[in-house]
C-alpha atoms as a PDB file:
ATOM      1  CA  MET A   1      61.762 -13.498 -13.651  1.00  0.00           C
ATOM      2  CA  GLU A   2      62.420 -11.553 -16.771  1.00  0.00           C
ATOM      3  CA  HIS A   3      58.830 -12.316 -17.956  1.00  0.00           C
ATOM      4  CA  LEU A   4      57.469 -10.842 -14.757  1.00  0.00           C
ATOM      5  CA  GLU A   5      59.561  -7.726 -14.979  1.00  0.00           C
ATOM      6  CA  GLU A   6      58.383  -7.165 -18.473  1.00  0.00           C
ATOM      7  CA  ARG A   7      54.789  -7.604 -17.561  1.00  0.00           C
ATOM      8  CA  VAL A   8      55.205  -5.091 -14.679  1.00  0.00           C
ATOM      9  CA  ALA A   9      56.687  -2.616 -17.035  1.00  0.00           C
ATOM     10  CA  HIS A  10      53.706  -3.001 -19.486  1.00  0.00           C
ATOM     11  CA  LEU A  11      51.377  -2.601 -16.522  1.00  0.00           C
ATOM     12  CA  GLN A  12      53.030   0.497 -15.290  1.00  0.00           C
ATOM     13  CA  ARG A  13      52.821   2.048 -18.778  1.00  0.00           C
ATOM     14  CA  ALA A  14      49.138   1.218 -18.939  1.00  0.00           C
ATOM     15  CA  VAL A  15      48.602   2.865 -15.502  1.00  0.00           C
ATOM     16  CA  ASP A  16      50.465   5.909 -16.406  1.00  0.00           C
ATOM     17  CA  ASP A  17      48.502   6.187 -19.761  1.00  0.00           C
ATOM     18  CA  LEU A  18      45.221   5.787 -17.908  1.00  0.00           C
ATOM     19  CA  SER A  19      46.369   8.394 -15.468  1.00  0.00           C
ATOM     20  CA  ASP A  20      46.964  10.836 -18.271  1.00  0.00           C
ATOM     21  CA  VAL A  21      43.620  10.213 -19.737  1.00  0.00           C
ATOM     22  CA  ILE A  22      41.824  10.719 -16.389  1.00  0.00           C
ATOM     23  CA  ALA A  23      43.727  13.981 -15.839  1.00  0.00           C
ATOM     24  CA  ARG A  24      42.672  15.333 -19.336  1.00  0.00           C
ATOM     25  CA  GLN A  25      39.128  14.211 -18.617  1.00  0.00           C
ATOM     26  CA  ASP A  26      39.052  15.984 -15.318  1.00  0.00           C
ATOM     27  CA  GLN A  27      40.204  19.275 -17.028  1.00  0.00           C
ATOM     28  CA  GLU A  28      37.681  18.877 -19.618  1.00  0.00           C
ATOM     29  CA  LEU A  29      34.800  18.260 -17.046  1.00  0.00           C
ATOM     30  CA  SER A  30      35.927  21.355 -15.197  1.00  0.00           C
ATOM     31  CA  LYS A  31      35.560  23.519 -18.360  1.00  0.00           C
ATOM     32  CA  LEU A  32      32.259  22.001 -19.147  1.00  0.00           C
ATOM     33  CA  LYS A  33      31.019  22.702 -15.591  1.00  0.00           C
ATOM     34  CA  THR A  34      32.104  26.222 -15.939  1.00  0.00           C
ATOM     35  CA  GLN A  35      30.305  26.655 -19.292  1.00  0.00           C
ATOM     36  CA  VAL A  36      27.142  25.086 -17.996  1.00  0.00           C
ATOM     37  CA  GLU A  37      27.237  27.475 -14.974  1.00  0.00           C
ATOM     38  CA  VAL A  38      27.510  30.408 -17.423  1.00  0.00           C
ATOM     39  CA  LEU A  39      24.717  29.195 -19.583  1.00  0.00           C
ATOM     40  CA  VAL A  40      22.508  28.614 -16.585  1.00  0.00           C
ATOM     41  CA  ARG A  41      23.130  32.143 -15.273  1.00  0.00           C
ATOM     42  CA  ARG A  42      22.685  33.677 -18.744  1.00  0.00           C
ATOM     43  CA  GLU A  43      19.304  31.798 -19.131  1.00  0.00           C
ATOM     44  CA  ALA A  44      18.192  32.891 -15.547  1.00  0.00           C
ATOM     45  CA  SER A  45      18.999  36.428 -16.591  1.00  0.00           C
ATOM     46  CA  ARG A  46      16.945  36.046 -19.656  1.00  0.00           C
ATOM     47  CA  GLU A  47      14.045  34.679 -17.778  1.00  0.00           C
ATOM     48  CA  GLN A  48      14.223  37.427 -15.233  1.00  0.00           C
ATOM     49  CA  ASP A  49      14.370  40.018 -17.968  1.00  0.00           C
ATOM     50  CA  GLY A  50      11.497  38.401 -19.817  1.00  0.00           C
ATOM     51  CA  THR A  51      13.435  37.977 -22.950  1.00  0.00           C
ATOM     52  CA  GLY A  52      13.795  34.191 -22.484  1.00  0.00           C
ATOM     53  CA  GLY A  53      12.349  31.608 -24.969  1.00  0.00           C
ATOM     54  CA  ALA A  54      13.138  28.557 -26.769  1.00  0.00           C
ATOM     55  CA  TYR A  55      15.104  28.831 -30.081  1.00  0.00           C
ATOM     56  CA  PHE A  56      15.113  25.838 -32.358  1.00  0.00           C
ATOM     57  CA  ALA A  57      17.274  26.357 -35.341  1.00  0.00           C
ATOM     58  CA  ASP A  58      15.842  23.414 -37.190  1.00  0.00           C
ATOM     59  CA  GLU A  59      12.168  24.470 -36.816  1.00  0.00           C
ATOM     60  CA  ARG A  60      10.529  25.987 -39.782  1.00  0.00           C
ATOM     61  CA  PRO A  61       8.802  29.372 -39.315  1.00  0.00           C
ATOM     62  CA  PRO A  62       4.973  29.310 -39.163  1.00  0.00           C
ATOM     63  CA  HIS A  63       4.492  30.866 -42.700  1.00  0.00           C
ATOM     64  CA  TYR A  64       6.117  27.782 -44.379  1.00  0.00           C
END
């Protein structure tokens, strides 16, 4: 019986830890969704204004 109680305690701890991880990931996912929405709106605004364009920081300029 003691072995079962010990096992249940370990399983409960694992479930609690996983629940905490899922809650953190949910918060991160919500933040990332918000950031993506902001970026999509910003890009749509740039395209509408005609100032859109691709920027590649690792690309060399044509004069190289």
